[in-house]
Amino acid sequence: MRSLLPAALLALACPLSASAATPAKSLYFQHHDWIVACDNTLTCRAAGYAPDDGSTLSVLLTRKGGPGQAIQGRLSLQPEEGQPQPRGALHLRIQQQDLGVLAPAKGEGTHSLNAAQTSALLSALVRDGGVSVTDGAGHRWQLSDKGAAAVLLKIDEYQGRLGTPGAVMRKGSTPESSVPAALPVPVVRKAATVDSHPDDPAFAQLAASPALRAALRATLKDDSCEGLLETDADVPLSNSPLQIQRLDAQHVLVNVQCWRAAYNTGDGYWAARPQAPYQAQWVTSDAIDYADGQIIAAQKGRGLGDCITQNTWTWDGTRFVATSEVAAGLCRGVPGGTWELPTLVTEIR
C-alpha cells in the first residue's frame, strides 16, 4: 500500500522535487499529541489534540516570526455523530479554575482564546496540565499536554527566541531585539499558459514516442513511477499511456499514472520540450490534478480524510515552482482536517 509520505512529512527542509524552489526554511515536528509546523516566513503553528481519538478537541497556537510577537490561540470542537454535542457557551478550564467563556470565531466549531486565556493555557501545558473545555450541560473535553513542551521548545529554537523574555520554554535576559525578523513571503510570478486538452490529436505521436518515455524515466532515481515501466502483467499500471498538453509555445506538460493505493493516487508530471531531446523536468509523482498552470497533490492519511497533506506547484514560464506545502495534522475525526499547517507559503502574482 502506498504510504502517505510526500515531502511535507518526510523532510524538514527538503525540496519536493528536482524542479521545485527550495524553501528558505521550514519545520515539521510531532511529539505525542502535539505537532508544530513552521513555514518559510518563520511563522509557527502548534496544534494540540485530545489524549485519544475519541474526541475532536484541538487547540492551535500561532506565532509569527520576529521580536515582540504574541501567541494567538484558537480552539476547535467538532464532535462526530454519536459523540456529545456542545450545549451553550464553552468555557476554558485549567485544573479547577474557570478561565471564562471562549469567544466564537470564524469557522465551524472554532473559538478564539483571549490573551489571558492563552497565557494560562501555555503555563498549564508546560507545567501541571489539567486543561479542559466544558459546556453548559456539564460535558467536559480534555486537551492533552503530552508533547506540548517539546513542540513549544522547537518553536522557541526555530524562531531564535531561546534566552529572551519572550521565549515560552527557556526565558532569559537576552534582549528581545535579538530575535530574527520574520522573512518576507516569496513572490512567484505565474506565467500564462495555453488552453489545451490532454487528448489533443496533435500530440498523439509524441505520446507514443519511446524516446520521450525514456527521457521521463531518466529523471527518476528509481522505478517509482509504475506507469513508465515496461508492460508487466504483475504491475497493473505498467506502460500506462502518456497524456500531453501544451503549456506554451516552447513547453508541454506530460503526465502519467504512477501509483494507486486504497484511498490515494499519484500521477507523475513533467514539463518538457515538444521535440527531442525533450529536456524533461520532473515535478512530482504524487499529483492528483492540474489546472491553469498549477499542479496539485493531496494525500489522505486515512480514508476518512481527516488528515491530509497538500502541495502545489506553479508554472513560471520556465519550470514548475513549489508554491505551497501544507502538512497533515493528527487524524482525529474531522473531515478535511482541523487546522491548516503550512510549511511553505508564497504569493502568486
C-alpha atoms as a PDB file:
ATOM      1  CA  MET A   1       0.000   0.000   0.000  1.00  0.00           C
ATOM      2  CA  ARG A   2       1.329   3.427  -0.944  1.00  0.00           C
ATOM      3  CA  SER A   3       2.326   5.373   2.164  1.00  0.00           C
ATOM      4  CA  LEU A   4       1.216   8.954   2.897  1.00  0.00           C
ATOM      5  CA  LEU A   5       4.658  10.480   2.817  1.00  0.00           C
ATOM      6  CA  PRO A   6       5.055  13.398   0.414  1.00  0.00           C
ATOM      7  CA  ALA A   7       7.896  15.673   1.405  1.00  0.00           C
ATOM      8  CA  ALA A   8       5.999  17.816   3.864  1.00  0.00           C
ATOM      9  CA  LEU A   9       6.080  14.902   6.301  1.00  0.00           C
ATOM     10  CA  LEU A  10       9.359  13.305   5.370  1.00  0.00           C
ATOM     11  CA  ALA A  11      11.746  16.241   5.190  1.00  0.00           C
ATOM     12  CA  LEU A  12      12.006  19.309   7.320  1.00  0.00           C
ATOM     13  CA  ALA A  13      13.544  21.495   4.673  1.00  0.00           C
ATOM     14  CA  CYS A  14      13.943  19.374   1.576  1.00  0.00           C
ATOM     15  CA  PRO A  15      12.544  20.325  -1.824  1.00  0.00           C
ATOM     16  CA  LEU A  16       9.676  18.222  -3.089  1.00  0.00           C
ATOM     17  CA  SER A  17      11.211  17.748  -6.493  1.00  0.00           C
ATOM     18  CA  ALA A  18      14.215  18.463  -8.609  1.00  0.00           C
ATOM     19  CA  SER A  19      12.436  21.381 -10.262  1.00  0.00           C
ATOM     20  CA  ALA A  20      10.864  22.906  -7.153  1.00  0.00           C
ATOM     21  CA  ALA A  21      12.215  26.012  -5.461  1.00  0.00           C
ATOM     22  CA  THR A  22      13.845  25.201  -2.130  1.00  0.00           C
ATOM     23  CA  PRO A  23      12.042  26.885   0.783  1.00  0.00           C
ATOM     24  CA  ALA A  24      14.186  29.303   2.766  1.00  0.00           C
ATOM     25  CA  LYS A  25      13.363  27.347   5.916  1.00  0.00           C
ATOM     26  CA  SER A  26      10.657  25.036   7.193  1.00  0.00           C
ATOM     27  CA  LEU A  27       9.968  22.670  10.066  1.00  0.00           C
ATOM     28  CA  TYR A  28       7.613  19.807  10.819  1.00  0.00           C
ATOM     29  CA  PHE A  29       7.800  18.009  14.154  1.00  0.00           C
ATOM     30  CA  GLN A  30       5.416  15.744  16.057  1.00  0.00           C
ATOM     31  CA  HIS A  31       5.683  14.537  19.634  1.00  0.00           C
ATOM     32  CA  HIS A  32       2.863  12.541  21.215  1.00  0.00           C
ATOM     33  CA  ASP A  33      -0.372  14.580  20.892  1.00  0.00           C
ATOM     34  CA  TRP A  34       1.242  17.776  19.591  1.00  0.00           C
ATOM     35  CA  ILE A  35       2.527  18.923  16.195  1.00  0.00           C
ATOM     36  CA  VAL A  36       4.411  22.019  15.083  1.00  0.00           C
ATOM     37  CA  ALA A  37       4.703  23.277  11.523  1.00  0.00           C
ATOM     38  CA  CYS A  38       6.814  26.343  10.758  1.00  0.00           C
ATOM     39  CA  ASP A  39       6.844  27.919   7.337  1.00  0.00           C
ATOM     40  CA  ASN A  40       9.459  29.773   5.311  1.00  0.00           C
ATOM     41  CA  THR A  41       8.461  33.167   6.774  1.00  0.00           C
ATOM     42  CA  LEU A  42       9.286  31.912  10.325  1.00  0.00           C
ATOM     43  CA  THR A  43       5.618  31.713  11.326  1.00  0.00           C
ATOM     44  CA  CYS A  44       4.981  28.665  13.509  1.00  0.00           C
ATOM     45  CA  ARG A  45       1.738  26.848  14.275  1.00  0.00           C
ATOM     46  CA  ALA A  46       1.470  24.331  17.090  1.00  0.00           C
ATOM     47  CA  ALA A  47      -1.562  22.043  17.163  1.00  0.00           C
ATOM     48  CA  GLY A  48      -2.523  20.069  20.244  1.00  0.00           C
ATOM     49  CA  TYR A  49      -5.223  17.428  20.466  1.00  0.00           C
ATOM     50  CA  ALA A  50      -7.246  15.376  22.907  1.00  0.00           C
ATOM     51  CA  PRO A  51      -5.490  12.446  24.649  1.00  0.00           C
ATOM     52  CA  ASP A  52      -7.145   9.960  22.259  1.00  0.00           C
ATOM     53  CA  ASP A  53      -9.134   9.854  19.039  1.00  0.00           C
ATOM     54  CA  GLY A  54     -12.426   9.656  20.923  1.00  0.00           C
ATOM     55  CA  SER A  55     -12.573  13.457  20.987  1.00  0.00           C
ATOM     56  CA  THR A  56     -12.145  16.105  18.288  1.00  0.00           C
ATOM     57  CA  LEU A  57     -10.991  18.854  20.685  1.00  0.00           C
ATOM     58  CA  SER A  58      -7.922  20.666  19.357  1.00  0.00           C
ATOM     59  CA  VAL A  59      -6.020  23.885  20.023  1.00  0.00           C
ATOM     60  CA  LEU A  60      -3.934  25.891  17.552  1.00  0.00           C
ATOM     61  CA  LEU A  61      -1.230  28.252  18.790  1.00  0.00           C
ATOM     62  CA  THR A  62       0.181  30.588  16.136  1.00  0.00           C
ATOM     63  CA  ARG A  63       3.204  32.836  16.470  1.00  0.00           C
ATOM     64  CA  LYS A  64       4.730  34.963  13.739  1.00  0.00           C
ATOM     65  CA  GLY A  65       8.474  35.388  13.486  1.00  0.00           C
ATOM     66  CA  GLY A  66      10.218  38.498  14.790  1.00  0.00           C
ATOM     67  CA  PRO A  67      10.595  40.256  18.157  1.00  0.00           C
ATOM     68  CA  GLY A  68       7.587  41.130  20.284  1.00  0.00           C
ATOM     69  CA  GLN A  69       5.153  38.746  18.594  1.00  0.00           C
ATOM     70  CA  ALA A  70       2.333  37.437  20.775  1.00  0.00           C
ATOM     71  CA  ILE A  71       0.947  33.915  20.550  1.00  0.00           C
ATOM     72  CA  GLN A  72      -2.569  33.710  19.166  1.00  0.00           C
ATOM     73  CA  GLY A  73      -4.782  30.854  20.367  1.00  0.00           C
ATOM     74  CA  ARG A  74      -7.774  29.175  18.754  1.00  0.00           C
ATOM     75  CA  LEU A  75      -9.791  26.133  19.752  1.00  0.00           C
ATOM     76  CA  SER A  76     -11.826  23.715  17.657  1.00  0.00           C
ATOM     77  CA  LEU A  77     -14.504  21.301  18.850  1.00  0.00           C
ATOM     78  CA  GLN A  78     -16.462  19.460  16.144  1.00  0.00           C
ATOM     79  CA  PRO A  79     -17.786  16.227  17.687  1.00  0.00           C
ATOM     80  CA  GLU A  80     -18.620  13.338  15.407  1.00  0.00           C
ATOM     81  CA  GLU A  81     -22.105  11.909  15.156  1.00  0.00           C
ATOM     82  CA  GLY A  82     -22.845   9.903  18.287  1.00  0.00           C
ATOM     83  CA  GLN A  83     -20.481  11.951  20.462  1.00  0.00           C
ATOM     84  CA  PRO A  84     -21.767  14.539  22.997  1.00  0.00           C
ATOM     85  CA  GLN A  85     -22.581  17.805  21.238  1.00  0.00           C
ATOM     86  CA  PRO A  86     -21.713  21.131  22.916  1.00  0.00           C
ATOM     87  CA  ARG A  87     -24.607  22.967  24.518  1.00  0.00           C
ATOM     88  CA  GLY A  88     -24.390  26.644  25.317  1.00  0.00           C
ATOM     89  CA  ALA A  89     -21.196  28.615  25.745  1.00  0.00           C
ATOM     90  CA  LEU A  90     -17.864  26.825  26.022  1.00  0.00           C
ATOM     91  CA  HIS A  91     -15.556  27.587  28.959  1.00  0.00           C
ATOM     92  CA  LEU A  92     -11.821  27.021  29.238  1.00  0.00           C
ATOM     93  CA  ARG A  93     -10.863  25.323  32.495  1.00  0.00           C
ATOM     94  CA  ILE A  94      -7.425  24.675  33.931  1.00  0.00           C
ATOM     95  CA  GLN A  95      -7.437  22.315  36.891  1.00  0.00           C
ATOM     96  CA  GLN A  96     -10.423  23.630  38.907  1.00  0.00           C
ATOM     97  CA  GLN A  97     -10.232  27.225  37.647  1.00  0.00           C
ATOM     98  CA  ASP A  98     -12.727  28.612  35.145  1.00  0.00           C
ATOM     99  CA  LEU A  99     -10.890  30.881  32.682  1.00  0.00           C
ATOM    100  CA  GLY A 100     -14.079  32.227  31.165  1.00  0.00           C
ATOM    101  CA  VAL A 101     -16.136  31.867  28.022  1.00  0.00           C
ATOM    102  CA  LEU A 102     -14.463  31.111  24.704  1.00  0.00           C
ATOM    103  CA  ALA A 103     -15.436  33.604  22.009  1.00  0.00           C
ATOM    104  CA  PRO A 104     -16.878  32.086  18.813  1.00  0.00           C
ATOM    105  CA  ALA A 105     -14.661  32.650  15.780  1.00  0.00           C
ATOM    106  CA  LYS A 106     -14.946  32.190  12.038  1.00  0.00           C
ATOM    107  CA  GLY A 107     -15.179  28.532  11.124  1.00  0.00           C
ATOM    108  CA  GLU A 108     -17.424  25.723  12.292  1.00  0.00           C
ATOM    109  CA  GLY A 109     -16.807  24.793  15.918  1.00  0.00           C
ATOM    110  CA  THR A 110     -13.955  27.319  16.202  1.00  0.00           C
ATOM    111  CA  HIS A 111     -13.353  29.686  19.113  1.00  0.00           C
ATOM    112  CA  SER A 112     -10.759  32.341  19.943  1.00  0.00           C
ATOM    113  CA  LEU A 113      -8.706  32.499  23.121  1.00  0.00           C
ATOM    114  CA  ASN A 114      -8.066  35.932  24.608  1.00  0.00           C
ATOM    115  CA  ALA A 115      -4.634  36.951  25.835  1.00  0.00           C
ATOM    116  CA  ALA A 116      -5.275  35.880  29.438  1.00  0.00           C
ATOM    117  CA  GLN A 117      -6.661  32.504  28.392  1.00  0.00           C
ATOM    118  CA  THR A 118      -3.736  31.910  26.032  1.00  0.00           C
ATOM    119  CA  SER A 119      -1.200  32.788  28.746  1.00  0.00           C
ATOM    120  CA  ALA A 120      -2.856  30.484  31.278  1.00  0.00           C
ATOM    121  CA  LEU A 121      -3.049  27.701  28.713  1.00  0.00           C
ATOM    122  CA  LEU A 122       0.665  27.970  27.915  1.00  0.00           C
ATOM    123  CA  SER A 123       1.571  27.829  31.598  1.00  0.00           C
ATOM    124  CA  ALA A 124      -0.572  24.743  32.126  1.00  0.00           C
ATOM    125  CA  LEU A 125       0.754  22.951  29.050  1.00  0.00           C
ATOM    126  CA  VAL A 126       4.356  23.118  30.234  1.00  0.00           C
ATOM    127  CA  ARG A 127       3.697  22.571  33.933  1.00  0.00           C
ATOM    128  CA  ASP A 128       0.711  20.910  35.556  1.00  0.00           C
ATOM    129  CA  GLY A 129      -1.653  20.231  32.646  1.00  0.00           C
ATOM    130  CA  GLY A 130      -5.297  19.766  33.560  1.00  0.00           C
ATOM    131  CA  VAL A 131      -6.642  21.680  30.553  1.00  0.00           C
ATOM    132  CA  SER A 132     -10.245  21.040  29.519  1.00  0.00           C
ATOM    133  CA  VAL A 133     -13.264  22.637  27.901  1.00  0.00           C
ATOM    134  CA  THR A 134     -16.750  22.449  29.408  1.00  0.00           C
ATOM    135  CA  ASP A 135     -20.215  23.429  28.218  1.00  0.00           C
ATOM    136  CA  GLY A 136     -23.478  24.452  29.854  1.00  0.00           C
ATOM    137  CA  ALA A 137     -24.670  20.853  30.091  1.00  0.00           C
ATOM    138  CA  GLY A 138     -21.666  19.715  32.099  1.00  0.00           C
ATOM    139  CA  HIS A 139     -19.861  17.948  29.257  1.00  0.00           C
ATOM    140  CA  ARG A 140     -16.086  18.039  29.552  1.00  0.00           C
ATOM    141  CA  TRP A 141     -13.474  17.599  26.820  1.00  0.00           C
ATOM    142  CA  GLN A 142      -9.829  17.217  27.821  1.00  0.00           C
ATOM    143  CA  LEU A 143      -6.794  18.591  25.994  1.00  0.00           C
ATOM    144  CA  SER A 144      -3.592  16.594  26.149  1.00  0.00           C
ATOM    145  CA  ASP A 145      -0.415  18.290  27.335  1.00  0.00           C
ATOM    146  CA  LYS A 146       1.691  15.297  26.296  1.00  0.00           C
ATOM    147  CA  GLY A 147       4.269  16.555  23.815  1.00  0.00           C
ATOM    148  CA  ALA A 148       3.429  20.246  24.232  1.00  0.00           C
ATOM    149  CA  ALA A 149       6.670  21.231  25.964  1.00  0.00           C
ATOM    150  CA  ALA A 150       8.816  19.660  23.243  1.00  0.00           C
ATOM    151  CA  VAL A 151       6.801  21.364  20.494  1.00  0.00           C
ATOM    152  CA  LEU A 152       6.899  24.785  22.172  1.00  0.00           C
ATOM    153  CA  LEU A 153      10.647  24.430  22.673  1.00  0.00           C
ATOM    154  CA  LYS A 154      11.001  23.712  18.952  1.00  0.00           C
ATOM    155  CA  ILE A 155       9.204  26.973  18.187  1.00  0.00           C
ATOM    156  CA  ASP A 156      11.450  28.985  20.509  1.00  0.00           C
ATOM    157  CA  GLU A 157      14.506  27.428  18.899  1.00  0.00           C
ATOM    158  CA  TYR A 158      13.279  27.807  15.313  1.00  0.00           C
ATOM    159  CA  GLN A 159      12.335  31.464  15.766  1.00  0.00           C
ATOM    160  CA  GLY A 160      15.531  32.350  17.641  1.00  0.00           C
ATOM    161  CA  ARG A 161      13.786  33.158  20.941  1.00  0.00           C
ATOM    162  CA  LEU A 162      15.779  30.954  23.320  1.00  0.00           C
ATOM    163  CA  GLY A 163      17.093  33.003  26.233  1.00  0.00           C
ATOM    164  CA  THR A 164      14.859  36.003  25.542  1.00  0.00           C
ATOM    165  CA  PRO A 165      11.983  37.308  27.708  1.00  0.00           C
ATOM    166  CA  GLY A 166       9.506  36.248  25.010  1.00  0.00           C
ATOM    167  CA  ALA A 167      10.536  32.575  24.978  1.00  0.00           C
ATOM    168  CA  VAL A 168       7.961  30.097  26.227  1.00  0.00           C
ATOM    169  CA  MET A 169      10.312  27.371  27.446  1.00  0.00           C
ATOM    170  CA  ARG A 170      13.697  28.934  28.127  1.00  0.00           C
ATOM    171  CA  LYS A 171      13.299  32.555  29.110  1.00  0.00           C
ATOM    172  CA  GLY A 172      16.332  34.729  29.685  1.00  0.00           C
ATOM    173  CA  SER A 173      17.635  38.276  29.662  1.00  0.00           C
ATOM    174  CA  THR A 174      18.870  38.400  26.086  1.00  0.00           C
ATOM    175  CA  PRO A 175      17.202  41.468  24.516  1.00  0.00           C
ATOM    176  CA  GLU A 176      14.035  40.813  22.555  1.00  0.00           C
ATOM    177  CA  SER A 177      15.592  42.807  19.721  1.00  0.00           C
ATOM    178  CA  SER A 178      17.962  39.880  19.128  1.00  0.00           C
ATOM    179  CA  VAL A 179      15.110  37.749  17.781  1.00  0.00           C
ATOM    180  CA  PRO A 180      15.476  37.420  13.979  1.00  0.00           C
ATOM    181  CA  ALA A 181      12.953  39.342  11.932  1.00  0.00           C
ATOM    182  CA  ALA A 182      10.255  37.483  10.062  1.00  0.00           C
ATOM    183  CA  LEU A 183      11.141  36.581   6.482  1.00  0.00           C
ATOM    184  CA  PRO A 184       9.124  38.039   3.604  1.00  0.00           C
ATOM    185  CA  VAL A 185       6.668  35.906   1.683  1.00  0.00           C
ATOM    186  CA  PRO A 186       8.403  34.891  -1.575  1.00  0.00           C
ATOM    187  CA  VAL A 187       6.721  36.131  -4.738  1.00  0.00           C
ATOM    188  CA  VAL A 188       6.204  33.714  -7.632  1.00  0.00           C
ATOM    189  CA  ARG A 189       5.120  35.160 -10.952  1.00  0.00           C
ATOM    190  CA  LYS A 190       2.716  32.813 -12.667  1.00  0.00           C
ATOM    191  CA  ALA A 191       3.176  32.623 -16.427  1.00  0.00           C
ATOM    192  CA  ALA A 192       0.313  32.467 -18.876  1.00  0.00           C
ATOM    193  CA  THR A 193      -0.496  29.006 -20.208  1.00  0.00           C
ATOM    194  CA  VAL A 194      -2.250  27.829 -23.351  1.00  0.00           C
ATOM    195  CA  ASP A 195      -5.670  26.239 -23.073  1.00  0.00           C
ATOM    196  CA  SER A 196      -5.006  22.737 -24.378  1.00  0.00           C
ATOM    197  CA  HIS A 197      -6.837  19.439 -23.977  1.00  0.00           C
ATOM    198  CA  PRO A 198      -4.854  16.373 -22.785  1.00  0.00           C
ATOM    199  CA  ASP A 199      -6.228  14.347 -25.733  1.00  0.00           C
ATOM    200  CA  ASP A 200      -5.155  16.833 -28.412  1.00  0.00           C
ATOM    201  CA  PRO A 201      -4.537  14.683 -31.542  1.00  0.00           C
ATOM    202  CA  ALA A 202      -1.536  16.857 -32.374  1.00  0.00           C
ATOM    203  CA  PHE A 203       0.319  15.181 -29.518  1.00  0.00           C
ATOM    204  CA  ALA A 204      -0.698  11.585 -30.245  1.00  0.00           C
ATOM    205  CA  GLN A 205       2.596  10.793 -31.973  1.00  0.00           C
ATOM    206  CA  LEU A 206       4.613  12.446 -29.216  1.00  0.00           C
ATOM    207  CA  ALA A 207       2.738  10.488 -26.540  1.00  0.00           C
ATOM    208  CA  ALA A 208       3.630   7.245 -28.291  1.00  0.00           C
ATOM    209  CA  SER A 209       7.334   8.105 -28.515  1.00  0.00           C
ATOM    210  CA  PRO A 210       9.643   5.590 -26.774  1.00  0.00           C
ATOM    211  CA  ALA A 211      12.283   8.332 -26.672  1.00  0.00           C
ATOM    212  CA  LEU A 212      10.041  10.637 -24.648  1.00  0.00           C
ATOM    213  CA  ARG A 213       9.155   7.837 -22.249  1.00  0.00           C
ATOM    214  CA  ALA A 214      12.870   7.103 -21.814  1.00  0.00           C
ATOM    215  CA  ALA A 215      13.547  10.802 -21.175  1.00  0.00           C
ATOM    216  CA  LEU A 216      10.926  10.825 -18.436  1.00  0.00           C
ATOM    217  CA  ARG A 217      12.354   7.695 -16.816  1.00  0.00           C
ATOM    218  CA  ALA A 218      15.821   9.256 -16.861  1.00  0.00           C
ATOM    219  CA  THR A 219      14.660  11.995 -14.476  1.00  0.00           C
ATOM    220  CA  LEU A 220      13.788   9.440 -11.767  1.00  0.00           C
ATOM    221  CA  LYS A 221      16.305   7.811  -9.459  1.00  0.00           C
ATOM    222  CA  ASP A 222      14.369   4.549  -9.334  1.00  0.00           C
ATOM    223  CA  ASP A 223      11.262   2.813 -10.671  1.00  0.00           C
ATOM    224  CA  SER A 224       8.980   4.919  -8.502  1.00  0.00           C
ATOM    225  CA  CYS A 225       6.522   5.570 -11.349  1.00  0.00           C
ATOM    226  CA  GLU A 226       4.866   2.286 -12.283  1.00  0.00           C
ATOM    227  CA  GLY A 227       3.250   3.807 -15.361  1.00  0.00           C
ATOM    228  CA  LEU A 228       6.637   4.265 -17.010  1.00  0.00           C
ATOM    229  CA  LEU A 229       7.677   0.635 -16.566  1.00  0.00           C
ATOM    230  CA  GLU A 230       7.666  -1.805 -19.460  1.00  0.00           C
ATOM    231  CA  THR A 231       4.497  -3.881 -19.756  1.00  0.00           C
ATOM    232  CA  ASP A 232       4.317  -6.342 -16.861  1.00  0.00           C
ATOM    233  CA  ALA A 233       1.275  -8.440 -16.015  1.00  0.00           C
ATOM    234  CA  ASP A 234       2.152  -8.189 -12.318  1.00  0.00           C
ATOM    235  CA  VAL A 235       2.241  -4.380 -12.425  1.00  0.00           C
ATOM    236  CA  PRO A 236      -1.259  -3.121 -13.342  1.00  0.00           C
ATOM    237  CA  LEU A 237      -0.163   0.421 -14.198  1.00  0.00           C
ATOM    238  CA  SER A 238       2.860  -0.586 -16.275  1.00  0.00           C
ATOM    239  CA  ASN A 239       3.133   1.062 -19.684  1.00  0.00           C
ATOM    240  CA  SER A 240       0.306   3.495 -18.937  1.00  0.00           C
ATOM    241  CA  PRO A 241      -0.455   5.976 -21.735  1.00  0.00           C
ATOM    242  CA  LEU A 242       1.141   9.405 -21.587  1.00  0.00           C
ATOM    243  CA  GLN A 243      -1.137  12.439 -21.536  1.00  0.00           C
ATOM    244  CA  ILE A 244       0.246  15.592 -23.145  1.00  0.00           C
ATOM    245  CA  GLN A 245      -0.997  19.160 -23.255  1.00  0.00           C
ATOM    246  CA  ARG A 246       0.663  22.399 -24.232  1.00  0.00           C
ATOM    247  CA  LEU A 247       1.955  24.805 -21.608  1.00  0.00           C
ATOM    248  CA  ASP A 248       3.210  27.468 -24.011  1.00  0.00           C
ATOM    249  CA  ALA A 249       4.894  27.711 -27.402  1.00  0.00           C
ATOM    250  CA  GLN A 250       8.089  26.059 -26.127  1.00  0.00           C
ATOM    251  CA  HIS A 251       6.837  23.624 -23.493  1.00  0.00           C
ATOM    252  CA  VAL A 252       4.402  20.786 -22.998  1.00  0.00           C
ATOM    253  CA  LEU A 253       3.100  19.165 -19.847  1.00  0.00           C
ATOM    254  CA  VAL A 254       3.332  15.367 -19.689  1.00  0.00           C
ATOM    255  CA  ASN A 255       1.588  13.231 -17.113  1.00  0.00           C
ATOM    256  CA  VAL A 256       1.149   9.515 -16.487  1.00  0.00           C
ATOM    257  CA  GLN A 257      -0.367   7.371 -13.747  1.00  0.00           C
ATOM    258  CA  CYS A 258       2.370   6.436 -11.270  1.00  0.00           C
ATOM    259  CA  TRP A 259       0.672   4.593  -8.417  1.00  0.00           C
ATOM    260  CA  ARG A 260      -2.668   3.671  -6.875  1.00  0.00           C
ATOM    261  CA  ALA A 261      -3.498   2.748  -3.274  1.00  0.00           C
ATOM    262  CA  ALA A 262      -6.593   2.151  -1.156  1.00  0.00           C
ATOM    263  CA  TYR A 263      -7.615   5.811  -0.864  1.00  0.00           C
ATOM    264  CA  ASN A 264      -4.799   7.730  -2.557  1.00  0.00           C
ATOM    265  CA  THR A 265      -3.489   8.076  -6.091  1.00  0.00           C
ATOM    266  CA  GLY A 266      -0.412   9.637  -7.608  1.00  0.00           C
ATOM    267  CA  ASP A 267       0.269  10.867 -11.128  1.00  0.00           C
ATOM    268  CA  GLY A 268       3.657  11.905 -12.418  1.00  0.00           C
ATOM    269  CA  TYR A 269       4.058  15.306 -14.075  1.00  0.00           C
ATOM    270  CA  TRP A 270       6.894  16.672 -16.198  1.00  0.00           C
ATOM    271  CA  ALA A 271       7.481  19.889 -18.111  1.00  0.00           C
ATOM    272  CA  ALA A 272       9.267  19.151 -21.372  1.00  0.00           C
ATOM    273  CA  ARG A 273      10.137  20.429 -24.828  1.00  0.00           C
ATOM    274  CA  PRO A 274       7.895  19.057 -27.577  1.00  0.00           C
ATOM    275  CA  GLN A 275      10.894  17.839 -29.607  1.00  0.00           C
ATOM    276  CA  ALA A 276      13.929  15.712 -28.769  1.00  0.00           C
ATOM    277  CA  PRO A 277      15.993  15.896 -26.626  1.00  0.00           C
ATOM    278  CA  TYR A 278      12.890  16.977 -24.623  1.00  0.00           C
ATOM    279  CA  GLN A 279      14.802  18.336 -21.594  1.00  0.00           C
ATOM    280  CA  ALA A 280      12.190  16.811 -19.283  1.00  0.00           C
ATOM    281  CA  GLN A 281      11.839  18.348 -15.798  1.00  0.00           C
ATOM    282  CA  TRP A 282      10.192  16.115 -13.221  1.00  0.00           C
ATOM    283  CA  VAL A 283       7.833  17.877 -10.816  1.00  0.00           C
ATOM    284  CA  THR A 284       6.167  15.160  -8.705  1.00  0.00           C
ATOM    285  CA  SER A 285       4.856  11.596  -8.769  1.00  0.00           C
ATOM    286  CA  ASP A 286       2.088  12.325  -6.251  1.00  0.00           C
ATOM    287  CA  ALA A 287      -0.227  14.704  -8.124  1.00  0.00           C
ATOM    288  CA  ILE A 288      -3.998  14.401  -8.338  1.00  0.00           C
ATOM    289  CA  ASP A 289      -4.792  17.276 -10.706  1.00  0.00           C
ATOM    290  CA  TYR A 290      -3.568  20.062 -12.979  1.00  0.00           C
ATOM    291  CA  ALA A 291      -5.406  23.272 -13.851  1.00  0.00           C
ATOM    292  CA  ASP A 292      -4.452  26.708 -15.153  1.00  0.00           C
ATOM    293  CA  GLY A 293      -0.703  26.411 -14.660  1.00  0.00           C
ATOM    294  CA  GLN A 294      -0.833  24.667 -11.293  1.00  0.00           C
ATOM    295  CA  ILE A 295      -0.142  21.044 -10.348  1.00  0.00           C
ATOM    296  CA  ILE A 296      -1.871  19.866  -7.189  1.00  0.00           C
ATOM    297  CA  ALA A 297      -1.095  16.972  -4.852  1.00  0.00           C
ATOM    298  CA  ALA A 298      -3.229  15.900  -1.894  1.00  0.00           C
ATOM    299  CA  GLN A 299      -2.849  12.674   0.065  1.00  0.00           C
ATOM    300  CA  LYS A 300      -5.053  11.330   2.840  1.00  0.00           C
ATOM    301  CA  GLY A 301      -3.606   9.804   5.989  1.00  0.00           C
ATOM    302  CA  ARG A 302      -6.655   7.523   6.133  1.00  0.00           C
ATOM    303  CA  GLY A 303      -9.889   7.005   4.254  1.00  0.00           C
ATOM    304  CA  LEU A 304     -11.949   9.432   6.350  1.00  0.00           C
ATOM    305  CA  GLY A 305      -9.809  12.298   5.035  1.00  0.00           C
ATOM    306  CA  ASP A 306      -9.269  13.844   8.464  1.00  0.00           C
ATOM    307  CA  CYS A 307      -5.518  14.305   7.957  1.00  0.00           C
ATOM    308  CA  ILE A 308      -4.332  15.458   4.545  1.00  0.00           C
ATOM    309  CA  THR A 309      -1.081  16.752   3.085  1.00  0.00           C
ATOM    310  CA  GLN A 310      -1.356  19.202   0.214  1.00  0.00           C
ATOM    311  CA  ASN A 311       1.174  20.624  -2.239  1.00  0.00           C
ATOM    312  CA  THR A 312       1.040  22.889  -5.268  1.00  0.00           C
ATOM    313  CA  TRP A 313       3.494  23.812  -7.992  1.00  0.00           C
ATOM    314  CA  THR A 314       3.039  26.830 -10.262  1.00  0.00           C
ATOM    315  CA  TRP A 315       4.335  27.368 -13.803  1.00  0.00           C
ATOM    316  CA  ASP A 316       6.601  30.437 -14.055  1.00  0.00           C
ATOM    317  CA  GLY A 317       7.343  30.143 -17.766  1.00  0.00           C
ATOM    318  CA  THR A 318      10.494  28.070 -17.288  1.00  0.00           C
ATOM    319  CA  ARG A 319       9.672  25.494 -14.638  1.00  0.00           C
ATOM    320  CA  PHE A 320       7.119  24.488 -12.024  1.00  0.00           C
ATOM    321  CA  VAL A 321       7.954  26.155  -8.720  1.00  0.00           C
ATOM    322  CA  ALA A 322       6.766  24.781  -5.371  1.00  0.00           C
ATOM    323  CA  THR A 323       4.318  27.399  -4.125  1.00  0.00           C
ATOM    324  CA  SER A 324       2.605  25.733  -1.162  1.00  0.00           C
ATOM    325  CA  GLU A 325       3.090  22.847   1.236  1.00  0.00           C
ATOM    326  CA  VAL A 326       0.548  22.033   3.926  1.00  0.00           C
ATOM    327  CA  ALA A 327       1.361  19.314   6.447  1.00  0.00           C
ATOM    328  CA  ALA A 328      -1.193  16.945   7.912  1.00  0.00           C
ATOM    329  CA  GLY A 329      -2.393  17.274  11.475  1.00  0.00           C
ATOM    330  CA  LEU A 330      -3.264  14.268  13.589  1.00  0.00           C
ATOM    331  CA  CYS A 331      -6.121  12.067  12.341  1.00  0.00           C
ATOM    332  CA  ARG A 332      -8.805  12.955  14.868  1.00  0.00           C
ATOM    333  CA  GLY A 333     -12.132  12.567  13.115  1.00  0.00           C
ATOM    334  CA  VAL A 334     -12.694  15.972  11.479  1.00  0.00           C
ATOM    335  CA  PRO A 335     -13.152  15.512   7.700  1.00  0.00           C
ATOM    336  CA  GLY A 336     -10.693  17.709   5.840  1.00  0.00           C
ATOM    337  CA  GLY A 337      -8.574  18.093   8.969  1.00  0.00           C
ATOM    338  CA  THR A 338      -8.907  20.531  11.836  1.00  0.00           C
ATOM    339  CA  TRP A 339      -6.212  23.095  11.042  1.00  0.00           C
ATOM    340  CA  GLU A 340      -4.164  24.241   8.080  1.00  0.00           C
ATOM    341  CA  LEU A 341      -0.461  23.783   8.892  1.00  0.00           C
ATOM    342  CA  PRO A 342       1.637  25.274   6.081  1.00  0.00           C
ATOM    343  CA  THR A 343       5.362  24.675   5.806  1.00  0.00           C
ATOM    344  CA  LEU A 344       5.708  26.698   2.585  1.00  0.00           C
ATOM    345  CA  VAL A 345       3.817  29.859   1.658  1.00  0.00           C
ATOM    346  CA  THR A 346       4.226  32.121  -1.369  1.00  0.00           C
ATOM    347  CA  GLU A 347       2.422  34.985  -3.038  1.00  0.00           C
ATOM    348  CA  ILE A 348       1.436  34.193  -6.592  1.00  0.00           C
ATOM    349  CA  ARG A 349       1.128  37.126  -8.960  1.00  0.00           C
END
